[in-house]
Amino acid sequence: MNDIDMVSQLGDMKEVDYRNTLAIASVIELLIDKGILDRGEIARKAKLLDEMTAEEIAYLRKKRSI
């Protein structure tokens, strides 16, 4: 029974991941369509965040809110 529950939970997670990815992609496309951002800016920010540690990202967020 545990295996069935685990498979079901994995299926639910995949659906949530898909929905979250779709929402993010939609927001990005709207920002590009409206001329607020361009693909280069998004690519550069994604690369920067990918190279940062979670602690560095948290520090930057905290620093901006002060």
PDB file of N, CA and C in Angstrom:
ATOM      1  N   MET A   1       0.819  -1.202   0.000  1.00  0.00           N
ATOM      2  CA  MET A   1       0.000   0.000   0.000  1.00  0.00           C
ATOM      3  C   MET A   1       0.864   1.269   0.000  1.00  0.00           C
ATOM      4  N   ASN A   2       1.983   1.241   0.682  1.00  0.00           N
ATOM      5  CA  ASN A   2       2.874   2.396   0.724  1.00  0.00           C
ATOM      6  C   ASN A   2       3.385   2.776  -0.662  1.00  0.00           C
ATOM      7  N   ASP A   3       3.711   1.777  -1.482  1.00  0.00           N
ATOM      8  CA  ASP A   3       4.214   2.046  -2.837  1.00  0.00           C
ATOM      9  C   ASP A   3       3.174   2.770  -3.671  1.00  0.00           C
ATOM     10  N   ILE A   4       1.919   2.382  -3.531  1.00  0.00           N
ATOM     11  CA  ILE A   4       0.845   3.024  -4.285  1.00  0.00           C
ATOM     12  C   ILE A   4       0.696   4.480  -3.852  1.00  0.00           C
ATOM     13  N   ASP A   5       0.762   4.729  -2.554  1.00  0.00           N
ATOM     14  CA  ASP A   5       0.679   6.106  -2.049  1.00  0.00           C
ATOM     15  C   ASP A   5       1.822   6.958  -2.575  1.00  0.00           C
ATOM     16  N   MET A   6       3.017   6.393  -2.614  1.00  0.00           N
ATOM     17  CA  MET A   6       4.186   7.121  -3.077  1.00  0.00           C
ATOM     18  C   MET A   6       4.048   7.473  -4.558  1.00  0.00           C
ATOM     19  N   VAL A   7       3.592   6.541  -5.355  1.00  0.00           N
ATOM     20  CA  VAL A   7       3.404   6.791  -6.785  1.00  0.00           C
ATOM     21  C   VAL A   7       2.346   7.870  -6.990  1.00  0.00           C
ATOM     22  N   SER A   8       1.296   7.818  -6.218  1.00  0.00           N
ATOM     23  CA  SER A   8       0.239   8.821  -6.304  1.00  0.00           C
ATOM     24  C   SER A   8       0.777  10.200  -5.937  1.00  0.00           C
ATOM     25  N   GLN A   9       1.580  10.281  -4.889  1.00  0.00           N
ATOM     26  CA  GLN A   9       2.158  11.558  -4.466  1.00  0.00           C
ATOM     27  C   GLN A   9       3.103  12.107  -5.527  1.00  0.00           C
ATOM     28  N   LEU A  10       3.874  11.222  -6.160  1.00  0.00           N
ATOM     29  CA  LEU A  10       4.773  11.657  -7.229  1.00  0.00           C
ATOM     30  C   LEU A  10       3.980  12.232  -8.398  1.00  0.00           C
ATOM     31  N   GLY A  11       2.874  11.584  -8.736  1.00  0.00           N
ATOM     32  CA  GLY A  11       2.020  12.093  -9.800  1.00  0.00           C
ATOM     33  C   GLY A  11       1.466  13.463  -9.469  1.00  0.00           C
ATOM     34  N   ASP A  12       1.058  13.647  -8.215  1.00  0.00           N
ATOM     35  CA  ASP A  12       0.552  14.951  -7.775  1.00  0.00           C
ATOM     36  C   ASP A  12       1.642  16.014  -7.853  1.00  0.00           C
ATOM     37  N   MET A  13       2.862  15.644  -7.472  1.00  0.00           N
ATOM     38  CA  MET A  13       3.977  16.593  -7.510  1.00  0.00           C
ATOM     39  C   MET A  13       4.269  17.010  -8.941  1.00  0.00           C
ATOM     40  N   LYS A  14       4.225  16.069  -9.869  1.00  0.00           N
ATOM     41  CA  LYS A  14       4.484  16.400 -11.269  1.00  0.00           C
ATOM     42  C   LYS A  14       3.448  17.388 -11.783  1.00  0.00           C
ATOM     43  N   GLU A  15       2.200  17.204 -11.398  1.00  0.00           N
ATOM     44  CA  GLU A  15       1.138  18.115 -11.814  1.00  0.00           C
ATOM     45  C   GLU A  15       1.373  19.511 -11.233  1.00  0.00           C
ATOM     46  N   VAL A  16       1.740  19.587  -9.966  1.00  0.00           N
ATOM     47  CA  VAL A  16       2.015  20.882  -9.326  1.00  0.00           C
ATOM     48  C   VAL A  16       3.215  21.546  -9.990  1.00  0.00           C
ATOM     49  N   ASP A  17       4.269  20.781 -10.257  1.00  0.00           N
ATOM     50  CA  ASP A  17       5.448  21.333 -10.928  1.00  0.00           C
ATOM     51  C   ASP A  17       5.084  21.880 -12.300  1.00  0.00           C
ATOM     52  N   TYR A  18       4.270  21.144 -13.034  1.00  0.00           N
ATOM     53  CA  TYR A  18       3.843  21.588 -14.356  1.00  0.00           C
ATOM     54  C   TYR A  18       3.065  22.897 -14.255  1.00  0.00           C
ATOM     55  N   ARG A  19       2.122  22.962 -13.332  1.00  0.00           N
ATOM     56  CA  ARG A  19       1.305  24.171 -13.174  1.00  0.00           C
ATOM     57  C   ARG A  19       2.164  25.375 -12.764  1.00  0.00           C
ATOM     58  N   ASN A  20       3.101  25.155 -11.854  1.00  0.00           N
ATOM     59  CA  ASN A  20       3.992  26.250 -11.436  1.00  0.00           C
ATOM     60  C   ASN A  20       4.863  26.721 -12.592  1.00  0.00           C
ATOM     61  N   THR A  21       5.400  25.787 -13.366  1.00  0.00           N
ATOM     62  CA  THR A  21       6.231  26.135 -14.510  1.00  0.00           C
ATOM     63  C   THR A  21       5.419  26.895 -15.550  1.00  0.00           C
ATOM     64  N   LEU A  22       4.196  26.454 -15.793  1.00  0.00           N
ATOM     65  CA  LEU A  22       3.324  27.138 -16.741  1.00  0.00           C
ATOM     66  C   LEU A  22       3.023  28.561 -16.285  1.00  0.00           C
ATOM     67  N   ALA A  23       2.759  28.742 -15.004  1.00  0.00           N
ATOM     68  CA  ALA A  23       2.469  30.077 -14.474  1.00  0.00           C
ATOM     69  C   ALA A  23       3.677  30.995 -14.627  1.00  0.00           C
ATOM     70  N   ILE A  24       4.856  30.493 -14.292  1.00  0.00           N
ATOM     71  CA  ILE A  24       6.078  31.303 -14.401  1.00  0.00           C
ATOM     72  C   ILE A  24       6.357  31.662 -15.852  1.00  0.00           C
ATOM     73  N   ALA A  25       6.235  30.688 -16.746  1.00  0.00           N
ATOM     74  CA  ALA A  25       6.470  30.944 -18.170  1.00  0.00           C
ATOM     75  C   ALA A  25       5.473  31.969 -18.707  1.00  0.00           C
ATOM     76  N   SER A  26       4.236  31.901 -18.256  1.00  0.00           N
ATOM     77  CA  SER A  26       3.213  32.856 -18.698  1.00  0.00           C
ATOM     78  C   SER A  26       3.547  34.264 -18.249  1.00  0.00           C
ATOM     79  N   VAL A  27       3.967  34.416 -17.005  1.00  0.00           N
ATOM     80  CA  VAL A  27       4.334  35.743 -16.486  1.00  0.00           C
ATOM     81  C   VAL A  27       5.540  36.290 -17.252  1.00  0.00           C
ATOM     82  N   ILE A  28       6.521  35.463 -17.497  1.00  0.00           N
ATOM     83  CA  ILE A  28       7.707  35.898 -18.247  1.00  0.00           C
ATOM     84  C   ILE A  28       7.313  36.368 -19.636  1.00  0.00           C
ATOM     85  N   GLU A  29       6.494  35.592 -20.326  1.00  0.00           N
ATOM     86  CA  GLU A  29       6.074  35.967 -21.674  1.00  0.00           C
ATOM     87  C   GLU A  29       5.282  37.273 -21.676  1.00  0.00           C
ATOM     88  N   LEU A  30       4.414  37.480 -20.685  1.00  0.00           N
ATOM     89  CA  LEU A  30       3.672  38.733 -20.592  1.00  0.00           C
ATOM     90  C   LEU A  30       4.606  39.919 -20.373  1.00  0.00           C
ATOM     91  N   LEU A  31       5.593  39.763 -19.502  1.00  0.00           N
ATOM     92  CA  LEU A  31       6.555  40.839 -19.252  1.00  0.00           C
ATOM     93  C   LEU A  31       7.350  41.173 -20.508  1.00  0.00           C
ATOM     94  N   ILE A  32       7.699  40.163 -21.286  1.00  0.00           N
ATOM     95  CA  ILE A  32       8.418  40.388 -22.543  1.00  0.00           C
ATOM     96  C   ILE A  32       7.496  41.059 -23.555  1.00  0.00           C
ATOM     97  N   ASP A  33       6.275  40.543 -23.690  1.00  0.00           N
ATOM     98  CA  ASP A  33       5.310  41.121 -24.639  1.00  0.00           C
ATOM     99  C   ASP A  33       5.032  42.586 -24.349  1.00  0.00           C
ATOM    100  N   LYS A  34       4.997  42.960 -23.080  1.00  0.00           N
ATOM    101  CA  LYS A  34       4.706  44.343 -22.695  1.00  0.00           C
ATOM    102  C   LYS A  34       5.949  45.233 -22.727  1.00  0.00           C
ATOM    103  N   GLY A  35       7.099  44.656 -23.048  1.00  0.00           N
ATOM    104  CA  GLY A  35       8.329  45.429 -23.147  1.00  0.00           C
ATOM    105  C   GLY A  35       8.940  45.786 -21.806  1.00  0.00           C
ATOM    106  N   ILE A  36       8.522  45.117 -20.760  1.00  0.00           N
ATOM    107  CA  ILE A  36       9.044  45.407 -19.422  1.00  0.00           C
ATOM    108  C   ILE A  36      10.413  44.758 -19.236  1.00  0.00           C
ATOM    109  N   LEU A  37      10.569  43.563 -19.747  1.00  0.00           N
ATOM    110  CA  LEU A  37      11.840  42.833 -19.712  1.00  0.00           C
ATOM    111  C   LEU A  37      12.129  42.280 -21.098  1.00  0.00           C
ATOM    112  N   ASP A  38      13.388  41.931 -21.323  1.00  0.00           N
ATOM    113  CA  ASP A  38      13.696  41.193 -22.546  1.00  0.00           C
ATOM    114  C   ASP A  38      14.343  39.863 -22.176  1.00  0.00           C
ATOM    115  N   ARG A  39      14.416  38.988 -23.137  1.00  0.00           N
ATOM    116  CA  ARG A  39      14.916  37.630 -22.874  1.00  0.00           C
ATOM    117  C   ARG A  39      16.346  37.629 -22.347  1.00  0.00           C
ATOM    118  N   GLY A  40      17.152  38.586 -22.799  1.00  0.00           N
ATOM    119  CA  GLY A  40      18.528  38.681 -22.326  1.00  0.00           C
ATOM    120  C   GLY A  40      18.605  38.976 -20.839  1.00  0.00           C
ATOM    121  N   GLU A  41      17.763  39.900 -20.374  1.00  0.00           N
ATOM    122  CA  GLU A  41      17.730  40.226 -18.945  1.00  0.00           C
ATOM    123  C   GLU A  41      17.337  39.005 -18.123  1.00  0.00           C
ATOM    124  N   ILE A  42      16.341  38.283 -18.602  1.00  0.00           N
ATOM    125  CA  ILE A  42      15.883  37.092 -17.885  1.00  0.00           C
ATOM    126  C   ILE A  42      16.979  36.035 -17.860  1.00  0.00           C
ATOM    127  N   ALA A  43      17.647  35.840 -18.983  1.00  0.00           N
ATOM    128  CA  ALA A  43      18.720  34.845 -19.057  1.00  0.00           C
ATOM    129  C   ALA A  43      19.869  35.198 -18.118  1.00  0.00           C
ATOM    130  N   ARG A  44      20.244  36.495 -18.092  1.00  0.00           N
ATOM    131  CA  ARG A  44      21.331  36.919 -17.208  1.00  0.00           C
ATOM    132  C   ARG A  44      20.970  36.732 -15.734  1.00  0.00           C
ATOM    133  N   LYS A  45      19.736  37.094 -15.370  1.00  0.00           N
ATOM    134  CA  LYS A  45      19.315  36.948 -13.977  1.00  0.00           C
ATOM    135  C   LYS A  45      19.245  35.475 -13.593  1.00  0.00           C
ATOM    136  N   ALA A  46      18.738  34.635 -14.485  1.00  0.00           N
ATOM    137  CA  ALA A  46      18.663  33.199 -14.210  1.00  0.00           C
ATOM    138  C   ALA A  46      20.063  32.622 -13.991  1.00  0.00           C
ATOM    139  N   LYS A  47      21.013  33.030 -14.821  1.00  0.00           N
ATOM    140  CA  LYS A  47      22.389  32.547 -14.682  1.00  0.00           C
ATOM    141  C   LYS A  47      22.977  32.991 -13.348  1.00  0.00           C
ATOM    142  N   LEU A  48      22.762  34.254 -12.996  1.00  0.00           N
ATOM    143  CA  LEU A  48      23.265  34.782 -11.728  1.00  0.00           C
ATOM    144  C   LEU A  48      22.685  34.017 -10.548  1.00  0.00           C
ATOM    145  N   LEU A  49      21.368  33.852 -10.527  1.00  0.00           N
ATOM    146  CA  LEU A  49      20.725  33.145  -9.418  1.00  0.00           C
ATOM    147  C   LEU A  49      21.153  31.690  -9.352  1.00  0.00           C
ATOM    148  N   ASP A  50      21.348  31.075 -10.508  1.00  0.00           N
ATOM    149  CA  ASP A  50      21.777  29.681 -10.549  1.00  0.00           C
ATOM    150  C   ASP A  50      23.164  29.504  -9.933  1.00  0.00           C
ATOM    151  N   GLU A  51      23.992  30.525 -10.079  1.00  0.00           N
ATOM    152  CA  GLU A  51      25.356  30.456  -9.562  1.00  0.00           C
ATOM    153  C   GLU A  51      25.458  30.845  -8.088  1.00  0.00           C
ATOM    154  N   MET A  52      24.404  31.447  -7.548  1.00  0.00           N
ATOM    155  CA  MET A  52      24.419  31.890  -6.150  1.00  0.00           C
ATOM    156  C   MET A  52      23.950  30.779  -5.216  1.00  0.00           C
ATOM    157  N   THR A  53      24.397  30.880  -3.976  1.00  0.00           N
ATOM    158  CA  THR A  53      23.904  29.960  -2.957  1.00  0.00           C
ATOM    159  C   THR A  53      22.596  30.507  -2.396  1.00  0.00           C
ATOM    160  N   ALA A  54      21.847  29.667  -1.727  1.00  0.00           N
ATOM    161  CA  ALA A  54      20.589  30.087  -1.100  1.00  0.00           C
ATOM    162  C   ALA A  54      20.847  31.180  -0.075  1.00  0.00           C
ATOM    163  N   GLU A  55      21.957  31.102   0.624  1.00  0.00           N
ATOM    164  CA  GLU A  55      22.287  32.099   1.629  1.00  0.00           C
ATOM    165  C   GLU A  55      22.549  33.459   0.982  1.00  0.00           C
ATOM    166  N   GLU A  56      23.225  33.456  -0.158  1.00  0.00           N
ATOM    167  CA  GLU A  56      23.497  34.717  -0.856  1.00  0.00           C
ATOM    168  C   GLU A  56      22.200  35.356  -1.353  1.00  0.00           C
ATOM    169  N   ILE A  57      21.297  34.551  -1.870  1.00  0.00           N
ATOM    170  CA  ILE A  57      20.010  35.066  -2.343  1.00  0.00           C
ATOM    171  C   ILE A  57      19.219  35.647  -1.175  1.00  0.00           C
ATOM    172  N   ALA A  58      19.169  34.935  -0.055  1.00  0.00           N
ATOM    173  CA  ALA A  58      18.449  35.422   1.127  1.00  0.00           C
ATOM    174  C   ALA A  58      19.051  36.729   1.619  1.00  0.00           C
ATOM    175  N   TYR A  59      20.368  36.830   1.613  1.00  0.00           N
ATOM    176  CA  TYR A  59      21.050  38.057   2.042  1.00  0.00           C
ATOM    177  C   TYR A  59      20.655  39.232   1.156  1.00  0.00           C
ATOM    178  N   LEU A  60      20.652  39.030  -0.171  1.00  0.00           N
ATOM    179  CA  LEU A  60      20.280  40.098  -1.080  1.00  0.00           C
ATOM    180  C   LEU A  60      18.844  40.537  -0.874  1.00  0.00           C
ATOM    181  N   ARG A  61      17.949  39.591  -0.670  1.00  0.00           N
ATOM    182  CA  ARG A  61      16.545  39.935  -0.442  1.00  0.00           C
ATOM    183  C   ARG A  61      16.391  40.745   0.830  1.00  0.00           C
ATOM    184  N   LYS A  62      17.098  40.314   1.877  1.00  0.00           N
ATOM    185  CA  LYS A  62      17.010  41.015   3.157  1.00  0.00           C
ATOM    186  C   LYS A  62      17.580  42.421   3.020  1.00  0.00           C
ATOM    187  N   LYS A  63      18.678  42.541   2.309  1.00  0.00           N
ATOM    188  CA  LYS A  63      19.350  43.828   2.113  1.00  0.00           C
ATOM    189  C   LYS A  63      18.436  44.803   1.355  1.00  0.00           C
ATOM    190  N   ARG A  64      17.689  44.313   0.386  1.00  0.00           N
ATOM    191  CA  ARG A  64      16.792  45.174  -0.395  1.00  0.00           C
ATOM    192  C   ARG A  64      15.588  45.645   0.409  1.00  0.00           C
ATOM    193  N   SER A  65      15.166  44.862   1.399  1.00  0.00           N
ATOM    194  CA  SER A  65      13.976  45.235   2.151  1.00  0.00           C
ATOM    195  C   SER A  65      14.273  46.247   3.255  1.00  0.00           C
ATOM    196  N   ILE A  66      15.548  46.512   3.495  1.00  0.00           N
ATOM    197  CA  ILE A  66      15.936  47.476   4.549  1.00  0.00           C
ATOM    198  C   ILE A  66      15.851  48.882   4.036  1.00  0.00           C
TER     199      ILE A  66
END
